Protein backbone atom coordinates (compact mmCIF):
# COMPACT_ATOMS: atom_id res chain seq x y z
CA MET A 1 -94.42 22.02 -25.90
CA ARG A 2 -92.82 21.87 -22.13
CA ARG A 3 -89.51 22.99 -23.42
CA ALA A 4 -91.07 26.05 -25.35
CA ILE A 5 -92.57 27.36 -22.51
CA ILE A 6 -89.24 26.25 -20.06
CA THR A 7 -87.54 28.41 -22.48
CA LEU A 8 -89.52 31.88 -23.30
CA LEU A 9 -89.79 31.63 -19.79
CA VAL A 10 -86.26 32.11 -19.18
CA VAL A 11 -86.11 34.12 -22.49
CA CYS A 12 -88.95 36.56 -21.20
CA GLN A 13 -86.88 36.56 -17.62
CA SER A 14 -83.81 37.92 -19.48
CA ALA A 15 -85.35 40.77 -21.41
CA GLN A 16 -86.63 42.31 -18.62
CA ALA A 17 -83.50 42.01 -17.17
CA LEU A 18 -81.91 43.63 -19.85
CA ILE A 19 -83.23 46.59 -19.57
CA PHE A 20 -82.84 46.55 -15.69
CA GLY A 21 -79.05 46.17 -16.43
CA GLY A 22 -78.72 48.44 -19.87
CA ILE A 23 -79.91 51.81 -16.95
CA ALA A 24 -76.52 51.23 -15.04
CA LEU A 25 -74.31 50.40 -17.84
CA PHE A 26 -75.21 53.61 -19.94
CA LEU A 27 -75.84 55.64 -16.99
CA PRO A 28 -72.58 57.70 -17.92
CA LEU A 29 -74.35 58.59 -21.37
CA ILE A 30 -78.03 58.87 -19.76
CA ARG A 31 -76.30 62.05 -17.15
CA THR A 32 -74.53 63.25 -19.84
CA ASP A 33 -76.97 63.55 -22.32
CA LEU A 34 -80.14 64.91 -20.35
CA GLY A 35 -77.49 67.17 -17.95
CA LEU A 36 -78.19 65.02 -14.77
CA SER A 37 -76.28 65.68 -11.63
CA PHE A 38 -74.61 62.40 -9.81
CA GLY A 39 -77.29 62.90 -7.61
CA GLN A 40 -80.08 62.76 -9.90
CA ALA A 41 -78.70 59.61 -12.03
CA GLY A 42 -78.39 58.24 -8.90
CA THR A 43 -81.95 58.22 -7.59
CA LEU A 44 -83.26 57.19 -11.14
CA ALA A 45 -81.13 53.54 -10.18
CA ALA A 46 -83.13 54.03 -6.14
CA ALA A 47 -85.91 54.51 -7.03
CA SER A 48 -86.77 51.50 -9.57
CA SER A 49 -85.01 49.42 -7.10
CA LEU A 50 -87.19 50.38 -3.86
CA THR A 51 -90.25 50.05 -5.61
CA TYR A 52 -89.28 46.74 -6.17
CA ALA A 53 -88.17 45.78 -2.79
CA LEU A 54 -91.52 47.30 -1.57
CA MET A 55 -93.75 45.58 -4.28
CA GLN A 56 -91.92 41.93 -3.12
CA VAL A 57 -94.11 41.08 -0.71
CA PRO A 58 -97.63 42.42 -2.48
CA SER A 59 -96.94 40.31 -5.65
CA GLY A 60 -95.93 37.20 -3.99
CA PHE A 61 -99.99 37.68 -2.64
CA LEU A 62 -100.99 38.30 -5.72
CA ALA A 63 -99.63 35.92 -7.63
CA ASP A 64 -100.89 32.75 -5.01
CA ARG A 65 -104.52 34.64 -4.29
CA PHE A 66 -104.54 34.98 -8.40
CA ALA A 67 -103.64 32.89 -12.08
CA PRO A 68 -99.97 34.06 -11.83
CA ARG A 69 -99.37 34.08 -15.51
CA THR A 70 -101.55 36.94 -15.26
CA LEU A 71 -99.64 39.29 -13.51
CA PHE A 72 -96.74 37.81 -15.27
CA LEU A 73 -98.18 38.98 -18.34
CA THR A 74 -98.79 42.39 -17.10
CA GLY A 75 -95.66 43.26 -15.23
CA LEU A 76 -94.00 42.12 -18.53
CA LEU A 77 -96.08 44.52 -20.60
CA GLY A 78 -95.75 47.35 -18.41
CA THR A 79 -91.86 47.05 -17.48
CA ASN A 80 -91.66 46.34 -21.68
CA LEU A 81 -93.65 50.01 -22.92
CA LEU A 82 -91.90 52.39 -19.89
CA ALA A 83 -88.41 50.88 -21.68
CA ALA A 84 -90.06 52.26 -25.07
CA MET A 85 -91.10 55.43 -22.30
CA PHE A 86 -87.96 56.06 -21.45
CA ALA A 87 -85.59 55.85 -24.49
CA VAL A 88 -88.29 59.10 -25.50
CA LEU A 89 -87.95 61.38 -22.39
CA ASP A 90 -86.19 64.05 -21.47
CA SER A 91 -87.32 65.62 -18.05
CA TYR A 92 -85.77 64.29 -14.53
CA ASP A 93 -89.37 64.08 -13.18
CA LEU A 94 -90.54 62.13 -15.90
CA LEU A 95 -87.76 59.71 -15.52
CA LEU A 96 -87.85 59.45 -12.03
CA ILE A 97 -91.45 58.13 -12.12
CA ASN A 98 -90.92 56.00 -14.93
CA GLN A 99 -87.96 54.50 -12.95
CA ALA A 100 -90.57 53.76 -9.72
CA LEU A 101 -92.92 52.70 -12.00
CA SER A 102 -90.40 50.00 -13.82
CA GLY A 103 -89.72 48.73 -9.99
CA PHE A 104 -93.54 48.19 -9.66
CA PHE A 105 -94.15 46.44 -12.68
CA ARG A 106 -91.00 44.39 -12.52
CA ALA A 107 -92.45 42.77 -9.31
CA LEU A 108 -94.66 41.74 -10.83
CA VAL A 109 -92.85 39.79 -12.87
CA PHE A 110 -90.74 38.03 -10.40
CA ALA A 111 -92.61 35.91 -7.74
CA PRO A 112 -95.01 35.08 -10.54
CA GLY A 113 -92.27 34.43 -12.76
CA LEU A 114 -90.66 31.79 -10.11
CA LEU A 115 -94.47 30.48 -9.52
CA LEU A 116 -94.36 29.78 -13.43
CA ILE A 117 -91.33 27.90 -13.57
CA SER A 118 -91.63 25.32 -10.88
CA GLU A 119 -94.76 24.33 -12.48
CA GLN A 120 -93.41 23.34 -15.06
CA PHE A 121 -91.07 20.92 -13.08
CA PRO A 122 -91.75 18.09 -10.34
CA SER A 123 -92.49 18.82 -7.10
CA ASP A 124 -88.88 17.25 -6.04
CA ARG A 125 -86.99 19.85 -8.75
CA ARG A 126 -88.01 23.09 -7.43
CA ALA A 127 -84.60 24.50 -7.05
CA THR A 128 -83.58 23.44 -9.97
CA ALA A 129 -86.28 25.37 -11.90
CA MET A 130 -85.54 28.44 -9.87
CA GLY A 131 -81.87 28.14 -9.76
CA LEU A 132 -82.54 28.42 -14.41
CA TYR A 133 -85.26 30.98 -14.14
CA VAL A 134 -82.73 33.06 -13.04
CA ALA A 135 -79.59 32.58 -14.45
CA GLY A 136 -81.57 33.83 -17.81
CA GLY A 137 -80.91 37.03 -16.28
CA PHE A 138 -77.50 36.73 -15.83
CA SER A 139 -77.43 35.19 -19.79
CA SER A 140 -78.27 38.99 -20.66
CA ASN A 141 -76.13 40.43 -18.58
CA ILE A 142 -73.50 38.70 -19.94
CA LEU A 143 -73.93 39.65 -23.72
CA LEU A 144 -75.38 43.34 -22.32
CA SER A 145 -71.44 44.15 -20.78
CA SER A 146 -69.92 42.37 -24.34
CA VAL A 147 -72.26 43.59 -27.06
CA GLY A 148 -73.51 47.20 -25.86
CA PRO A 149 -70.24 49.24 -25.40
CA LEU A 150 -69.67 47.78 -28.61
CA LEU A 151 -73.57 49.16 -30.20
CA VAL A 152 -73.93 52.15 -27.69
CA GLY A 153 -71.46 54.16 -30.31
CA PRO A 154 -73.60 54.19 -33.71
CA LEU A 155 -76.57 53.61 -32.64
CA GLY A 156 -77.23 55.52 -29.21
CA TRP A 157 -78.41 54.45 -25.78
CA ARG A 158 -81.85 55.77 -26.43
CA LEU A 159 -82.25 53.32 -30.15
CA LEU A 160 -80.24 50.24 -27.50
CA PHE A 161 -84.13 51.10 -25.20
CA ALA A 162 -85.83 50.84 -27.84
CA VAL A 163 -85.46 47.54 -29.34
CA PHE A 164 -84.43 46.11 -26.30
CA ALA A 165 -88.15 46.72 -25.44
CA ALA A 166 -89.35 45.50 -28.84
CA ALA A 167 -87.86 42.17 -28.28
CA GLY A 168 -89.39 41.75 -24.68
CA LEU A 169 -92.82 42.58 -26.27
CA LEU A 170 -92.26 40.04 -29.11
CA THR A 171 -91.19 37.60 -26.13
CA LEU A 172 -94.33 38.41 -24.01
CA ILE A 173 -96.51 37.83 -27.34
CA GLY A 174 -94.62 34.14 -28.23
CA TYR A 175 -94.76 33.52 -24.99
CA ARG A 176 -98.60 34.40 -24.52
CA ARG A 177 -99.33 32.51 -28.06
CA VAL A 178 -97.73 29.86 -26.62
CA THR A 179 -99.54 29.26 -23.28
CA GLY A 180 -102.64 30.37 -25.16
CA PRO A 181 -105.29 30.97 -23.20
CA PRO A 182 -105.21 32.46 -19.68
CA ALA A 183 -105.38 29.56 -16.67
CA PRO A 184 -108.08 29.93 -13.89
CA GLY A 185 -106.32 30.79 -10.38
CA PRO A 186 -106.23 28.94 -7.48
CA ALA A 187 -108.98 27.69 -5.63
CA ALA A 188 -111.30 29.21 -3.44
CA ASP A 189 -112.43 27.49 -0.81
CA ASP A 190 -109.28 28.73 1.35
CA PRO A 191 -108.23 32.13 -0.64
CA VAL A 192 -105.00 33.42 0.95
CA ARG A 193 -104.90 36.57 2.70
CA ILE A 194 -102.23 39.46 3.28
CA THR A 195 -102.91 38.79 7.00
CA ASP A 196 -101.44 35.18 6.31
CA LEU A 197 -97.65 36.76 5.92
CA PRO A 198 -97.53 36.73 10.06
CA ALA A 199 -98.16 33.55 10.69
CA LEU A 200 -95.64 32.44 8.82
CA LEU A 201 -93.31 34.02 10.41
CA ARG A 202 -93.63 32.97 12.87
CA HIS A 203 -92.07 30.00 11.48
CA ARG A 204 -88.40 29.92 11.89
CA ILE A 205 -87.63 28.75 8.69
CA VAL A 206 -89.30 31.77 7.42
CA ARG A 207 -87.80 33.84 9.80
CA LEU A 208 -84.15 32.17 9.07
CA THR A 209 -84.21 31.88 5.21
CA GLY A 210 -84.93 35.86 5.28
CA VAL A 211 -81.67 36.34 7.14
CA ILE A 212 -79.71 34.18 4.53
CA GLN A 213 -81.87 36.58 1.86
CA PHE A 214 -80.88 39.34 3.49
CA ALA A 215 -76.84 38.25 3.10
CA ARG A 216 -77.22 36.64 -0.64
CA LEU A 217 -77.77 39.85 -2.18
CA ALA A 218 -75.98 42.08 -0.49
CA VAL A 219 -73.10 39.98 -0.69
CA ALA A 220 -74.19 39.86 -4.37
CA GLN A 221 -74.77 43.24 -5.60
CA GLY A 222 -72.21 44.81 -2.90
CA PHE A 223 -69.60 42.70 -4.72
CA THR A 224 -70.85 42.81 -8.59
CA PHE A 225 -71.18 46.22 -8.55
CA TRP A 226 -68.19 48.02 -6.29
CA LEU A 227 -65.95 45.01 -8.24
CA PRO A 228 -64.54 47.30 -11.22
CA THR A 229 -64.31 50.00 -9.42
CA TRP A 230 -62.71 48.38 -6.99
CA LEU A 231 -60.30 46.84 -9.83
CA VAL A 232 -60.06 50.73 -11.56
CA VAL A 233 -59.00 52.19 -7.79
CA ASP A 234 -57.75 49.91 -5.42
CA ARG A 235 -55.65 47.80 -8.12
CA GLY A 236 -54.47 50.56 -10.81
CA GLN A 237 -56.20 48.67 -13.79
CA SER A 238 -57.80 50.29 -17.13
CA LEU A 239 -61.72 49.76 -17.23
CA ALA A 240 -61.44 48.04 -20.76
CA ALA A 241 -59.50 45.33 -17.98
CA ALA A 242 -62.66 45.20 -14.99
CA GLY A 243 -65.39 45.10 -17.31
CA LEU A 244 -63.79 42.23 -19.07
CA VAL A 245 -63.03 40.85 -15.46
CA ALA A 246 -66.67 41.62 -14.48
CA ALA A 247 -68.04 40.53 -17.59
CA LEU A 248 -66.31 37.13 -17.28
CA GLY A 249 -67.72 36.70 -13.35
CA ALA A 250 -71.68 36.86 -15.05
CA ALA A 251 -70.56 34.16 -17.28
CA VAL A 252 -69.58 32.17 -14.50
CA THR A 253 -72.41 33.31 -11.92
CA ALA A 254 -74.62 32.18 -14.89
CA PRO A 255 -74.96 28.36 -15.04
CA ALA A 256 -73.52 28.20 -11.51
CA ASN A 257 -77.17 29.68 -10.55
CA TYR A 258 -78.53 25.88 -12.55
CA LEU A 259 -75.89 23.92 -11.40
CA GLY A 260 -77.25 25.37 -7.49
CA GLY A 261 -80.11 24.03 -7.90
CA TYR A 262 -79.69 20.71 -9.24
CA LEU A 263 -77.66 19.50 -7.02
CA SER A 264 -79.63 20.89 -4.50
CA ASP A 265 -82.38 18.91 -5.36
CA ARG A 266 -80.26 15.75 -6.74
CA ILE A 267 -78.93 15.25 -3.24
CA GLY A 268 -81.97 16.49 -1.89
CA ARG A 269 -79.49 18.61 1.13
CA PRO A 270 -80.69 22.83 0.38
CA LEU A 271 -78.80 23.37 3.78
CA LEU A 272 -75.60 21.67 3.22
CA VAL A 273 -75.30 24.22 -0.43
CA ILE A 274 -76.29 27.50 1.39
CA GLY A 275 -74.14 26.75 3.67
CA GLY A 276 -71.22 25.55 1.89
CA SER A 277 -71.51 28.37 -0.23
CA LEU A 278 -71.73 30.91 2.09
CA ALA A 279 -68.68 29.16 3.66
CA VAL A 280 -66.74 29.69 0.74
CA LEU A 281 -67.85 33.14 -0.10
CA ALA A 282 -66.68 34.20 3.48
CA ALA A 283 -63.38 33.03 2.39
CA GLY A 284 -63.21 34.45 -0.92
CA LEU A 285 -64.39 38.09 0.71
CA SER A 286 -61.54 37.94 3.55
CA LEU A 287 -58.58 36.99 0.63
CA LEU A 288 -60.39 39.69 -2.41
CA THR A 289 -58.26 42.33 -0.31
CA TYR A 290 -54.98 40.83 0.86
CA VAL A 291 -53.60 38.49 -2.32
CA PRO A 292 -51.30 40.34 -4.89
CA GLY A 293 -51.55 40.38 -8.31
CA MET A 294 -54.08 39.66 -11.05
CA PRO A 295 -53.91 35.98 -11.56
CA ALA A 296 -54.12 35.79 -8.08
CA VAL A 297 -57.09 38.16 -7.64
CA LEU A 298 -58.40 37.27 -10.96
CA LEU A 299 -58.89 33.44 -9.18
CA VAL A 300 -60.29 34.48 -6.23
CA VAL A 301 -63.07 37.21 -7.93
CA ALA A 302 -63.55 33.40 -10.61
CA LEU A 303 -64.29 31.68 -7.02
CA ILE A 304 -67.10 34.17 -5.31
CA SER A 305 -68.64 34.62 -8.94
CA VAL A 306 -69.31 30.76 -8.92
CA VAL A 307 -70.65 30.21 -5.63
CA VAL A 308 -72.33 34.09 -5.25
CA GLN A 309 -75.50 33.04 -6.55
CA VAL A 310 -75.17 28.99 -6.76
CA TYR A 311 -77.37 28.86 -4.08
CA PHE A 312 -80.66 30.99 -5.59
CA GLY A 313 -82.63 27.99 -5.91
CA PRO A 314 -81.97 26.31 -2.41
CA LEU A 315 -82.62 29.14 -0.84
CA PHE A 316 -86.13 29.82 -2.52
CA ALA A 317 -87.10 26.54 -2.78
CA LEU A 318 -86.55 25.48 1.10
CA PRO A 319 -89.16 27.02 2.70
CA ILE A 320 -91.64 26.07 0.10
CA SER A 321 -90.88 22.39 0.77
CA VAL A 322 -90.94 23.33 4.34
CA LEU A 323 -94.48 24.70 4.63
CA GLY A 324 -95.86 23.83 1.30
CA ALA A 325 -97.01 25.25 -2.06
CA ARG A 326 -99.79 26.67 -1.27
CA ARG A 327 -98.50 30.37 -0.17
CA ALA A 328 -95.45 29.84 -2.47
CA GLY A 329 -95.82 33.40 -3.88
CA LEU A 330 -96.18 34.81 -0.37
CA LEU A 331 -92.93 33.20 1.14
CA SER A 332 -90.89 33.55 -2.43
CA GLY A 333 -91.98 37.61 -2.23
CA PHE A 334 -90.85 37.59 1.72
CA GLY A 335 -87.63 36.14 0.55
CA ASN A 336 -86.89 38.68 -1.60
CA PHE A 337 -88.04 41.55 -0.17
CA CYS A 338 -85.32 40.93 2.36
CA ALA A 339 -83.29 40.16 -0.22
CA ASN A 340 -83.62 43.20 -2.15
CA LEU A 341 -83.49 45.69 1.67
CA GLY A 342 -80.04 43.76 1.39
CA GLY A 343 -78.58 44.85 -1.45
CA PHE A 344 -80.09 48.14 -1.42
CA ALA A 345 -78.33 48.65 2.06
CA PHE A 346 -74.73 47.59 1.48
CA VAL A 347 -74.66 48.84 -2.12
CA TYR A 348 -74.78 52.50 -1.09
CA LEU A 349 -72.59 50.78 2.48
CA LEU A 350 -69.84 50.04 0.44
CA GLY A 351 -69.19 53.53 -0.81
CA ALA A 352 -69.97 55.35 2.00
CA VAL A 353 -67.04 53.17 3.54
CA LYS A 354 -64.93 54.01 0.99
CA ASP A 355 -65.45 57.52 1.33
CA ALA A 356 -65.05 57.08 5.30
CA THR A 357 -61.72 54.87 5.28
CA GLY A 358 -60.56 55.27 1.50
CA SER A 359 -59.87 51.87 0.88
CA PHE A 360 -63.09 49.30 -0.09
CA ARG A 361 -62.01 46.13 2.27
CA ALA A 362 -63.34 47.43 5.46
CA GLY A 363 -66.04 47.16 2.61
CA PHE A 364 -65.39 43.20 1.37
CA LEU A 365 -64.98 42.26 4.94
CA GLY A 366 -68.03 43.68 6.16
CA LEU A 367 -69.55 40.94 3.37
CA ALA A 368 -67.63 38.21 4.79
CA ALA A 369 -68.91 39.21 7.97
CA LEU A 370 -72.16 38.92 6.78
CA CYS A 371 -71.92 36.31 4.88
CA LEU A 372 -71.22 34.10 8.54
CA LEU A 373 -74.15 35.67 9.60
CA GLY A 374 -76.05 34.10 6.75
CA LEU A 375 -74.11 31.30 8.17
CA ALA A 376 -75.17 30.76 11.57
CA ALA A 377 -78.97 30.86 10.49
CA ALA A 378 -78.53 28.18 8.58
CA ALA A 379 -76.68 26.32 10.88
CA ALA A 380 -79.34 27.07 13.28
CA ALA A 381 -82.34 26.17 10.35
CA ARG A 382 -80.85 22.04 10.62
CA GLN A 383 -83.77 20.66 11.77
CA PRO A 384 -85.41 17.48 10.40
CA ALA A 385 -88.47 19.45 9.16
CA ALA A 386 -86.45 21.97 7.79
CA ALA A 387 -83.12 20.31 6.73
CA ARG A 388 -84.80 18.06 4.47
CA PRO A 389 -87.79 18.61 2.64
CA ALA A 390 -90.06 16.08 2.30
CA GLY A 391 -89.38 13.17 0.05
CA SER A 392 -85.83 13.80 -0.13
CA ARG A 393 -83.04 11.46 0.44
């Protein structure tokens, strides 16, 4: 039963990630079919990302205050129904509202899902659980990048979104049946309040991990979003070759999420995994635009792809291990809020830097500098209480 629940949680995460990734992959076709400008097409993704980021703290709070399973199922239901609606809408205004609502419901999946999968593992394997959860999203991206372009020609993007939504709803039903009736929420003798967040922010470990979270997703999304364009524009590669490199990078990243969490739990030193990952990222991003020839580029891309999300699990688990699991949802929500601010800002900034300088070099070097800032925050967090969770070696 435990393995079935873990599998279904990961597949549910994969299904909703498939919907979000499908919009990015098929956006050129969607824009052409609906007659959208580039600005309008960009705001579809921005609307979803903005509401998703703004809902992270409320979602984490609700996961602590009420049953996370109810929120998780609600988020999945809303996300999949909105995906089915997206497949039939023609109005830009309705599409914009659809995507804004989609970001709202996607946020109800993330923090509650982290809590649900953590419940299936011992407390000293929390980073492993969290790394496994996010690996599902990367697995669906690999499938989408590999198979999506082949299917969209004969089927069309609208039918594919209907298929994605149907698959997500079926998985949701499977999870609901396996887990049985809703479990009661947390005990009400000391209920979690949204006003607990300022008190949590007074803890140094929360502020420092917030800085690292900002750097984590800024680097992850900035690198993965602009990598294909950089390969085509600055390196003269074909779009097919650039897509293959991106798919291979995602294939390397997916298992690394799980392995990073496993290693952190195994050695009991999450800050070592976090700091080591940031140091490798800083070196890789610094070298990326300077190495000659595609073989060297592929080697550096592979190196970055291995570590770009390997510290996801340790980073989310660290403040929970220090401050306790009572407010795990609120801590996870705040961490992901900081992360999404970084991703939102730097995906835009790398494009702006390219326009201003004519090259992606300054943008990638800026990401390397951000990794060094995260590394400094990880070093500052190396205190006896913060560096080692209770019960670690």
